[in-house]
Amino acid sequence: MTPLEIGAPPRPFCDASRFVQRRMPGPRLAPRTTRAVPEETAIAFSYEGAAYAVMMATPADLTDFAIGFSLTERIIRSPCDVETLETVSTVDGIMLRMSLAHQPSVAYWERRRRLAGPSGCGLCGLESLADAMRAPPPVTGSARLPHNEIFDAMAALPDWQPMNRATGALHAAALWLPTAGIVAAREDVGRHNALDKLIGAAARDGISAAGGAVLLTSRVSVEMIQKAAIFGVPILVAVSAPTALAVRVAEAAGITLAAVARHDGFEIFTHADRLLDVEFEQPAAAD
């Protein structure tokens, strides 16, 4: 697959004029300065000439986004299934036009998403409740992660977030592997978009997630677990808390979910046996 780009996409972020007001004693004139802010662009996905979905996203790493989104939507099984990819920039947004090596299944045509998905939601536009609750594939990776390496991995993550350092407004998803540390990371205004981009980048580079962990700078909602399961990653670590549904789906999928990961600790919600050198309190015996 050789991506074809038509027109220049917008920069991932730009300078916005602003007034700065701080809490300080006495009257003070708020100065006008500029600040880097991220772009949020409509990204349309089409396959075989048919529109599928429109997502609001950061216009960066678009080839990774196209592949990762196609994988997590189960439209393709590998990057080789995409024969051509055209990135077309227009006044209204960006179109990612893909032709496929094999015709999509009937399920694809039934699942096409016609509504726009805002950057904060990865499930918007699904046409049925069953689509939203598709069971993820089971994850059987045998990765084992010492708890101190979770601290090291999360501490290293900011170094992989150049756009967030400039804007302070982007999520990140990163892949950590034993002995190698973080091997890839992607950023986006939408947490699920960042994960799709990471999945696409790893797939394009032939990197397996089966022995590693995904690191997230966001909360963990159910679509993040679904995408992680399709990625085949056995451990997911996030800085914020999970939803109750995310915990249930992670348990069912066989994913170790560690969340609220900060410099002083983290919380393990599912499949704690993958985390080494951690002692767990046993439930009290019933009277």
Protein backbone atom coordinates (compact mmCIF):
# COMPACT_ATOMS: atom_id res chain seq x y z
CA MET A 1 0.00 0.00 0.00
CA THR A 2 1.38 3.37 -1.06
CA PRO A 3 -0.65 6.20 0.53
CA LEU A 4 -1.58 9.03 -1.83
CA GLU A 5 -2.04 12.50 -0.37
CA ILE A 6 -4.12 15.10 -2.22
CA GLY A 7 -3.87 18.59 -0.80
CA ALA A 8 -2.05 19.62 2.35
CA PRO A 9 -3.79 18.67 5.60
CA PRO A 10 -3.97 21.32 8.32
CA ARG A 11 -1.22 21.48 10.89
CA PRO A 12 -2.00 19.48 14.06
CA PHE A 13 -2.06 22.70 16.10
CA CYS A 14 -1.94 26.44 15.57
CA ASP A 15 -1.48 29.67 17.54
CA ALA A 16 -4.60 31.27 18.98
CA SER A 17 -4.80 34.81 20.28
CA ARG A 18 -5.78 35.09 23.94
CA PHE A 19 -5.91 37.34 26.97
CA VAL A 20 -4.14 36.03 30.07
CA GLN A 21 -5.77 36.69 33.44
CA ARG A 22 -4.18 35.45 36.64
CA ARG A 23 -5.26 35.79 40.24
CA MET A 24 -3.00 38.54 41.52
CA PRO A 25 -3.51 41.37 44.03
CA GLY A 26 -4.46 44.82 42.71
CA PRO A 27 -5.80 45.90 39.31
CA ARG A 28 -3.95 44.47 36.34
CA LEU A 29 -4.39 44.73 32.59
CA ALA A 30 -4.74 41.28 31.04
CA PRO A 31 -2.09 41.01 28.31
CA ARG A 32 -2.87 39.63 24.85
CA THR A 33 -0.57 36.78 23.82
CA THR A 34 -0.83 33.61 21.74
CA ARG A 35 -1.07 29.98 22.75
CA ALA A 36 -0.72 26.77 20.79
CA VAL A 37 -4.08 24.97 20.53
CA PRO A 38 -4.80 21.66 18.77
CA GLU A 39 -6.82 21.44 15.61
CA GLU A 40 -9.99 19.33 15.65
CA THR A 41 -10.82 18.22 12.13
CA ALA A 42 -13.60 16.13 10.60
CA ILE A 43 -12.04 12.90 9.30
CA ALA A 44 -14.26 10.86 6.96
CA PHE A 45 -13.60 7.15 6.33
CA SER A 46 -14.82 5.52 3.15
CA TYR A 47 -14.32 2.02 1.78
CA GLU A 48 -14.90 0.92 -1.80
CA GLY A 49 -16.43 4.33 -2.49
CA ALA A 50 -19.02 4.09 0.30
CA ALA A 51 -19.02 6.44 3.30
CA TYR A 52 -18.64 4.66 6.63
CA ALA A 53 -18.00 7.14 9.47
CA VAL A 54 -16.92 10.67 10.30
CA MET A 55 -14.79 11.25 13.39
CA MET A 56 -13.46 14.47 14.88
CA ALA A 57 -9.72 14.06 15.34
CA THR A 58 -6.28 15.65 15.27
CA PRO A 59 -5.03 15.78 11.65
CA ALA A 60 -1.79 13.88 12.27
CA ASP A 61 -0.64 10.29 11.66
CA LEU A 62 -3.57 9.79 9.29
CA THR A 63 -2.27 6.61 7.67
CA ASP A 64 -1.95 5.06 11.13
CA PHE A 65 -5.47 6.28 11.91
CA ALA A 66 -6.88 4.76 8.72
CA ILE A 67 -5.31 1.36 9.40
CA GLY A 68 -5.99 1.31 13.14
CA PHE A 69 -9.62 2.38 12.79
CA SER A 70 -10.17 -0.21 10.05
CA LEU A 71 -8.68 -2.90 12.29
CA THR A 72 -10.69 -2.04 15.38
CA GLU A 73 -13.88 -1.80 13.32
CA ARG A 74 -13.00 -5.30 12.04
CA ILE A 75 -13.22 -4.16 8.44
CA ILE A 76 -9.72 -5.53 7.78
CA ARG A 77 -7.55 -8.17 9.42
CA SER A 78 -4.16 -6.70 8.52
CA PRO A 79 -2.74 -3.61 6.79
CA CYS A 80 -2.26 -5.75 3.67
CA ASP A 81 -6.04 -5.80 3.26
CA VAL A 82 -5.94 -2.11 2.29
CA GLU A 83 -4.83 -1.90 -1.34
CA THR A 84 -4.92 1.86 -1.75
CA LEU A 85 -5.33 4.80 0.61
CA GLU A 86 -6.03 8.34 -0.53
CA THR A 87 -5.90 11.23 1.93
CA VAL A 88 -7.93 14.07 0.45
CA SER A 89 -7.93 17.44 2.23
CA THR A 90 -10.91 19.71 1.61
CA VAL A 91 -12.27 22.91 3.09
CA ASP A 92 -14.62 20.88 5.32
CA GLY A 93 -12.16 18.27 6.51
CA ILE A 94 -10.19 15.23 5.40
CA MET A 95 -11.37 12.14 3.54
CA LEU A 96 -9.58 8.81 3.94
CA ARG A 97 -10.55 6.79 0.88
CA MET A 98 -9.62 3.13 0.96
CA SER A 99 -9.95 0.30 -1.51
CA LEU A 100 -9.79 -3.20 -0.09
CA ALA A 101 -8.23 -6.43 -1.26
CA HIS A 102 -11.43 -8.27 -0.37
CA GLN A 103 -15.01 -7.09 -0.48
CA PRO A 104 -16.38 -6.19 2.97
CA SER A 105 -18.68 -8.70 4.59
CA VAL A 106 -22.41 -8.28 4.79
CA ALA A 107 -21.93 -7.28 8.44
CA TYR A 108 -19.90 -4.29 7.29
CA TRP A 109 -22.72 -2.90 5.20
CA GLU A 110 -25.15 -3.44 8.08
CA ARG A 111 -22.81 -1.68 10.52
CA ARG A 112 -21.98 1.43 8.48
CA ARG A 113 -22.01 4.51 10.69
CA ARG A 114 -23.67 7.52 9.15
CA LEU A 115 -23.48 9.90 12.09
CA ALA A 116 -20.55 12.04 13.15
CA GLY A 117 -18.54 10.89 16.15
CA PRO A 118 -17.21 13.71 18.36
CA SER A 119 -13.65 13.45 19.60
CA GLY A 120 -14.85 12.36 23.06
CA CYS A 121 -16.84 9.34 21.89
CA GLY A 122 -15.77 6.24 20.01
CA LEU A 123 -19.19 4.66 19.61
CA CYS A 124 -21.33 7.53 18.31
CA GLY A 125 -23.35 6.73 15.22
CA LEU A 126 -23.67 3.00 15.72
CA GLU A 127 -27.04 1.94 14.43
CA SER A 128 -27.94 -0.70 17.04
CA LEU A 129 -27.33 -1.60 20.66
CA ALA A 130 -25.85 -4.91 19.55
CA ASP A 131 -23.13 -3.08 17.60
CA ALA A 132 -22.15 -1.10 20.69
CA MET A 133 -21.93 -4.26 22.80
CA ARG A 134 -20.06 -6.51 20.39
CA ALA A 135 -18.09 -9.02 22.46
CA PRO A 136 -14.35 -8.44 22.13
CA PRO A 137 -12.06 -11.36 21.25
CA PRO A 138 -10.45 -13.12 24.24
CA VAL A 139 -6.92 -12.00 25.11
CA THR A 140 -4.57 -14.78 26.14
CA GLY A 141 -1.16 -13.07 26.18
CA SER A 142 1.12 -14.36 28.91
CA ALA A 143 2.82 -11.04 29.65
CA ARG A 144 4.02 -10.50 33.22
CA LEU A 145 4.81 -7.00 34.40
CA PRO A 146 6.66 -6.08 37.62
CA HIS A 147 4.73 -3.32 39.37
CA ASN A 148 7.74 -0.99 39.44
CA GLU A 149 7.86 -1.09 35.64
CA ILE A 150 4.37 0.39 35.54
CA PHE A 151 5.73 3.41 37.40
CA ASP A 152 8.71 3.63 35.05
CA ALA A 153 6.54 3.29 31.94
CA MET A 154 4.05 5.95 32.98
CA ALA A 155 6.88 8.28 34.01
CA ALA A 156 8.42 7.92 30.54
CA LEU A 157 5.16 8.60 28.69
CA PRO A 158 5.35 12.45 28.69
CA ASP A 159 8.55 12.27 26.64
CA TRP A 160 6.48 10.66 23.88
CA GLN A 161 3.89 13.48 23.84
CA PRO A 162 5.40 16.39 21.87
CA MET A 163 2.05 17.80 20.76
CA ASN A 164 0.66 17.70 24.27
CA ARG A 165 3.74 19.54 25.54
CA ALA A 166 2.96 22.28 23.02
CA THR A 167 -0.79 22.46 23.65
CA GLY A 168 -1.63 20.73 26.94
CA ALA A 169 -4.78 19.31 25.34
CA LEU A 170 -4.08 15.93 23.72
CA HIS A 171 -4.44 12.36 24.89
CA ALA A 172 -1.81 9.72 24.24
CA ALA A 173 -1.73 5.96 23.81
CA ALA A 174 1.58 4.11 23.94
CA LEU A 175 2.78 0.53 23.59
CA TRP A 176 5.25 -0.76 26.18
CA LEU A 177 7.20 -3.99 25.62
CA PRO A 178 9.45 -5.92 28.04
CA THR A 179 13.15 -4.97 27.81
CA ALA A 180 12.36 -2.38 25.10
CA GLY A 181 10.16 0.03 27.07
CA ILE A 182 7.85 2.29 25.08
CA VAL A 183 8.21 1.44 21.38
CA ALA A 184 5.44 3.60 19.89
CA ALA A 185 3.01 6.33 20.94
CA ARG A 186 0.37 8.41 19.21
CA GLU A 187 -1.56 11.53 20.25
CA ASP A 188 -5.02 12.91 19.48
CA VAL A 189 -7.71 15.13 20.96
CA GLY A 190 -9.81 11.96 21.23
CA ARG A 191 -8.55 9.18 23.48
CA HIS A 192 -10.00 6.44 21.27
CA ASN A 193 -8.47 8.08 18.19
CA ALA A 194 -5.05 8.03 19.86
CA LEU A 195 -5.48 4.30 20.53
CA ASP A 196 -6.58 3.62 16.95
CA LYS A 197 -3.52 5.49 15.67
CA LEU A 198 -1.26 3.47 17.96
CA ILE A 199 -2.82 0.21 16.79
CA GLY A 200 -2.37 1.26 13.17
CA ALA A 201 1.26 2.27 13.73
CA ALA A 202 2.09 -1.04 15.43
CA ALA A 203 0.34 -3.05 12.71
CA ARG A 204 2.16 -1.22 9.94
CA ASP A 205 5.51 -1.86 11.65
CA GLY A 206 4.70 -5.50 12.38
CA ILE A 207 4.90 -5.03 16.16
CA SER A 208 2.94 -7.54 18.24
CA ALA A 209 1.27 -6.30 21.40
CA ALA A 210 0.80 -9.79 22.82
CA GLY A 211 3.66 -9.48 25.31
CA GLY A 212 3.20 -5.88 26.34
CA ALA A 213 1.00 -3.18 27.80
CA VAL A 214 -0.91 -0.21 26.47
CA LEU A 215 -0.53 3.03 28.41
CA LEU A 216 -3.32 5.61 28.30
CA THR A 217 -3.47 9.19 29.53
CA SER A 218 -7.27 9.04 29.74
CA ARG A 219 -10.12 7.36 31.51
CA VAL A 220 -11.03 3.83 30.44
CA SER A 221 -14.42 3.46 28.81
CA VAL A 222 -15.75 0.29 27.21
CA GLU A 223 -14.63 1.10 23.66
CA MET A 224 -11.04 1.41 24.90
CA ILE A 225 -11.23 -2.15 26.24
CA GLN A 226 -12.82 -3.38 23.02
CA LYS A 227 -10.05 -1.82 20.93
CA ALA A 228 -7.33 -3.16 23.27
CA ALA A 229 -8.77 -6.66 22.95
CA ILE A 230 -8.71 -6.48 19.15
CA PHE A 231 -5.12 -5.24 19.46
CA GLY A 232 -4.38 -8.37 21.50
CA VAL A 233 -2.68 -6.51 24.33
CA PRO A 234 -2.99 -8.30 27.70
CA ILE A 235 -2.36 -5.33 30.02
CA LEU A 236 -3.85 -1.86 29.94
CA VAL A 237 -2.70 0.92 32.27
CA ALA A 238 -4.46 4.30 32.47
CA VAL A 239 -4.04 7.47 34.49
CA SER A 240 -7.76 7.82 35.16
CA ALA A 241 -10.48 5.52 36.42
CA PRO A 242 -12.45 2.98 34.39
CA THR A 243 -16.20 2.79 33.98
CA ALA A 244 -18.05 -0.14 35.53
CA LEU A 245 -18.80 -1.55 32.08
CA ALA A 246 -15.14 -1.29 31.12
CA VAL A 247 -14.21 -3.36 34.18
CA ARG A 248 -16.76 -6.05 33.33
CA VAL A 249 -15.67 -6.26 29.70
CA ALA A 250 -11.97 -6.33 30.66
CA GLU A 251 -12.68 -9.20 33.06
CA ALA A 252 -14.55 -11.12 30.37
CA ALA A 253 -11.91 -10.44 27.71
CA GLY A 254 -9.00 -11.53 29.89
CA ILE A 255 -7.35 -8.10 30.03
CA THR A 256 -5.45 -6.94 33.09
CA LEU A 257 -6.79 -3.47 33.84
CA ALA A 258 -4.72 -1.15 36.04
CA ALA A 259 -5.98 2.40 36.39
CA VAL A 260 -5.64 5.58 38.44
CA ALA A 261 -1.91 5.15 37.77
CA ARG A 262 -0.04 8.01 39.41
CA HIS A 263 3.46 8.52 40.74
CA ASP A 264 2.51 7.05 44.11
CA GLY A 265 0.47 4.02 43.07
CA PHE A 266 -2.18 2.44 40.89
CA GLU A 267 -5.32 0.32 41.25
CA ILE A 268 -5.75 -3.16 39.74
CA PHE A 269 -9.29 -4.02 38.70
CA THR A 270 -9.03 -7.27 36.72
CA HIS A 271 -6.66 -10.22 36.20
CA ALA A 272 -4.13 -9.07 38.78
CA ASP A 273 -2.09 -12.27 38.36
CA ARG A 274 -0.14 -10.67 35.48
CA LEU A 275 1.42 -8.12 37.84
CA LEU A 276 4.45 -9.51 39.61
CA ASP A 277 5.80 -8.85 43.11
CA VAL A 278 2.46 -7.51 44.33
CA GLU A 279 0.93 -9.09 47.42
CA PHE A 280 -2.86 -9.20 47.45
CA GLU A 281 -5.04 -9.26 50.50
CA GLN A 282 -7.12 -12.40 50.62
CA PRO A 283 -10.85 -12.17 51.33
CA ALA A 284 -11.82 -12.91 54.90
CA ALA A 285 -13.15 -16.39 55.57
CA ALA A 286 -16.88 -16.61 56.11
CA ASP A 287 -18.04 -17.39 59.62
